[in-house]
Amino acid sequence: MYVAVKSADIRTSAAQTEAIAKWEIGFDRYENREFAEAFEIFGAIRKANSRDLAARRYAEICKAYATTAPSSKEWDDGIDNLSEK
């Protein structure tokens, strides 16, 4: 998920810059199947901003995967293929 926040016309606060850095670390952990660590990071992001629905969703996914990770064969670099509406 990408959001344009580093445009020359847009100024980011220190809190936004920190959240972006945390997100990048969390997503890196997620892609590398380090789900417990990613869960902690996305949880911290969510705690700092309760409106961050993407962080909530990734925290939920990571929590589930930390106990029952998808097999290497099922893992598609973290792409979540939706099969239900």
C-alpha atoms as a PDB file:
ATOM      1  CA  MET A   1       0.000   0.000   0.000  1.00  0.00           C
ATOM      2  CA  TYR A   2       1.440   3.331  -0.979  1.00  0.00           C
ATOM      3  CA  VAL A   3       0.322   6.813  -0.075  1.00  0.00           C
ATOM      4  CA  ALA A   4       1.867   9.898  -1.612  1.00  0.00           C
ATOM      5  CA  VAL A   5       3.226  11.903   1.307  1.00  0.00           C
ATOM      6  CA  LYS A   6       6.637  13.074   0.173  1.00  0.00           C
ATOM      7  CA  SER A   7       5.724  15.597  -2.470  1.00  0.00           C
ATOM      8  CA  ALA A   8       7.478  18.935  -2.669  1.00  0.00           C
ATOM      9  CA  ASP A   9       4.123  20.585  -1.966  1.00  0.00           C
ATOM     10  CA  ILE A  10       3.316  18.470   1.096  1.00  0.00           C
ATOM     11  CA  ARG A  11       5.058  18.811   4.422  1.00  0.00           C
ATOM     12  CA  THR A  12       5.127  15.847   6.753  1.00  0.00           C
ATOM     13  CA  SER A  13       5.236  16.146  10.500  1.00  0.00           C
ATOM     14  CA  ALA A  14       7.821  14.363  12.597  1.00  0.00           C
ATOM     15  CA  ALA A  15       5.098  11.949  13.734  1.00  0.00           C
ATOM     16  CA  GLN A  16       4.159  11.164  10.122  1.00  0.00           C
ATOM     17  CA  THR A  17       7.790  10.621   9.176  1.00  0.00           C
ATOM     18  CA  GLU A  18       8.228   8.287  12.152  1.00  0.00           C
ATOM     19  CA  ALA A  19       5.037   6.377  11.278  1.00  0.00           C
ATOM     20  CA  ILE A  20       6.238   5.946   7.689  1.00  0.00           C
ATOM     21  CA  ALA A  21       9.593   4.606   8.892  1.00  0.00           C
ATOM     22  CA  LYS A  22       7.848   2.171  11.272  1.00  0.00           C
ATOM     23  CA  TRP A  23       5.501   1.066   8.488  1.00  0.00           C
ATOM     24  CA  GLU A  24       8.426   0.303   6.182  1.00  0.00           C
ATOM     25  CA  ILE A  25      10.128  -1.776   8.884  1.00  0.00           C
ATOM     26  CA  GLY A  26       6.886  -3.593   9.711  1.00  0.00           C
ATOM     27  CA  PHE A  27       6.172  -4.353   6.086  1.00  0.00           C
ATOM     28  CA  ASP A  28       9.729  -5.598   5.579  1.00  0.00           C
ATOM     29  CA  ARG A  29       9.241  -7.970   8.535  1.00  0.00           C
ATOM     30  CA  TYR A  30       5.924  -9.086   7.041  1.00  0.00           C
ATOM     31  CA  GLU A  31       7.434  -9.804   3.624  1.00  0.00           C
ATOM     32  CA  ASN A  32      10.242 -11.750   5.311  1.00  0.00           C
ATOM     33  CA  ARG A  33       7.699 -13.838   7.246  1.00  0.00           C
ATOM     34  CA  GLU A  34       8.765 -12.417  10.618  1.00  0.00           C
ATOM     35  CA  PHE A  35       5.152 -12.215  11.697  1.00  0.00           C
ATOM     36  CA  ALA A  36       5.533 -11.770  15.459  1.00  0.00           C
ATOM     37  CA  GLU A  37       7.849  -8.803  14.952  1.00  0.00           C
ATOM     38  CA  ALA A  38       5.598  -7.329  12.258  1.00  0.00           C
ATOM     39  CA  PHE A  39       2.578  -7.735  14.544  1.00  0.00           C
ATOM     40  CA  GLU A  40       4.292  -5.694  17.264  1.00  0.00           C
ATOM     41  CA  ILE A  41       5.182  -2.917  14.831  1.00  0.00           C
ATOM     42  CA  PHE A  42       1.753  -2.691  13.191  1.00  0.00           C
ATOM     43  CA  GLY A  43       0.168  -2.822  16.647  1.00  0.00           C
ATOM     44  CA  ALA A  44       2.282   0.139  17.752  1.00  0.00           C
ATOM     45  CA  ILE A  45       1.304   2.071  14.638  1.00  0.00           C
ATOM     46  CA  ARG A  46      -2.358   1.303  15.291  1.00  0.00           C
ATOM     47  CA  LYS A  47      -2.027   2.352  18.935  1.00  0.00           C
ATOM     48  CA  ALA A  48      -0.550   5.696  17.862  1.00  0.00           C
ATOM     49  CA  ASN A  49      -3.288   6.230  15.258  1.00  0.00           C
ATOM     50  CA  SER A  50      -6.533   4.355  15.868  1.00  0.00           C
ATOM     51  CA  ARG A  51      -7.809   5.418  12.432  1.00  0.00           C
ATOM     52  CA  ASP A  52      -5.052   3.523  10.611  1.00  0.00           C
ATOM     53  CA  LEU A  53      -7.147   0.689   9.200  1.00  0.00           C
ATOM     54  CA  ALA A  54      -4.284  -0.701   7.109  1.00  0.00           C
ATOM     55  CA  ALA A  55      -2.137  -1.132  10.223  1.00  0.00           C
ATOM     56  CA  ARG A  56      -5.058  -2.847  11.940  1.00  0.00           C
ATOM     57  CA  ARG A  57      -5.494  -5.243   9.030  1.00  0.00           C
ATOM     58  CA  TYR A  58      -1.799  -6.100   8.854  1.00  0.00           C
ATOM     59  CA  ALA A  59      -1.677  -6.586  12.633  1.00  0.00           C
ATOM     60  CA  GLU A  60      -4.596  -9.032  12.349  1.00  0.00           C
ATOM     61  CA  ILE A  61      -2.923 -10.938   9.525  1.00  0.00           C
ATOM     62  CA  CYS A  62       0.410 -11.068  11.335  1.00  0.00           C
ATOM     63  CA  LYS A  63      -1.209 -12.255  14.558  1.00  0.00           C
ATOM     64  CA  ALA A  64      -2.854 -15.132  12.702  1.00  0.00           C
ATOM     65  CA  TYR A  65       0.287 -15.977  10.737  1.00  0.00           C
ATOM     66  CA  ALA A  66       2.464 -15.876  13.876  1.00  0.00           C
ATOM     67  CA  THR A  67       0.593 -18.934  15.153  1.00  0.00           C
ATOM     68  CA  THR A  68      -0.095 -20.631  11.808  1.00  0.00           C
ATOM     69  CA  ALA A  69       2.142 -19.319   9.060  1.00  0.00           C
ATOM     70  CA  PRO A  70       1.361 -20.118   5.441  1.00  0.00           C
ATOM     71  CA  SER A  71       3.668 -22.677   3.894  1.00  0.00           C
ATOM     72  CA  SER A  72       6.433 -21.476   1.622  1.00  0.00           C
ATOM     73  CA  LYS A  73       4.435 -22.845  -1.289  1.00  0.00           C
ATOM     74  CA  GLU A  74       1.365 -20.808  -0.261  1.00  0.00           C
ATOM     75  CA  TRP A  75       3.335 -17.646   0.447  1.00  0.00           C
ATOM     76  CA  ASP A  76       3.228 -15.282  -2.507  1.00  0.00           C
ATOM     77  CA  ASP A  77       5.538 -12.534  -1.194  1.00  0.00           C
ATOM     78  CA  GLY A  78       2.809 -11.315   1.121  1.00  0.00           C
ATOM     79  CA  ILE A  79       0.140 -10.807  -1.490  1.00  0.00           C
ATOM     80  CA  ASP A  80      -3.255 -11.385   0.089  1.00  0.00           C
ATOM     81  CA  ASN A  81      -5.440 -13.027  -2.522  1.00  0.00           C
ATOM     82  CA  LEU A  82      -9.061 -12.496  -1.583  1.00  0.00           C
ATOM     83  CA  SER A  83     -11.359 -15.407  -2.311  1.00  0.00           C
ATOM     84  CA  GLU A  84     -14.574 -14.139  -0.740  1.00  0.00           C
ATOM     85  CA  LYS A  85     -16.655 -11.024  -1.073  1.00  0.00           C
END
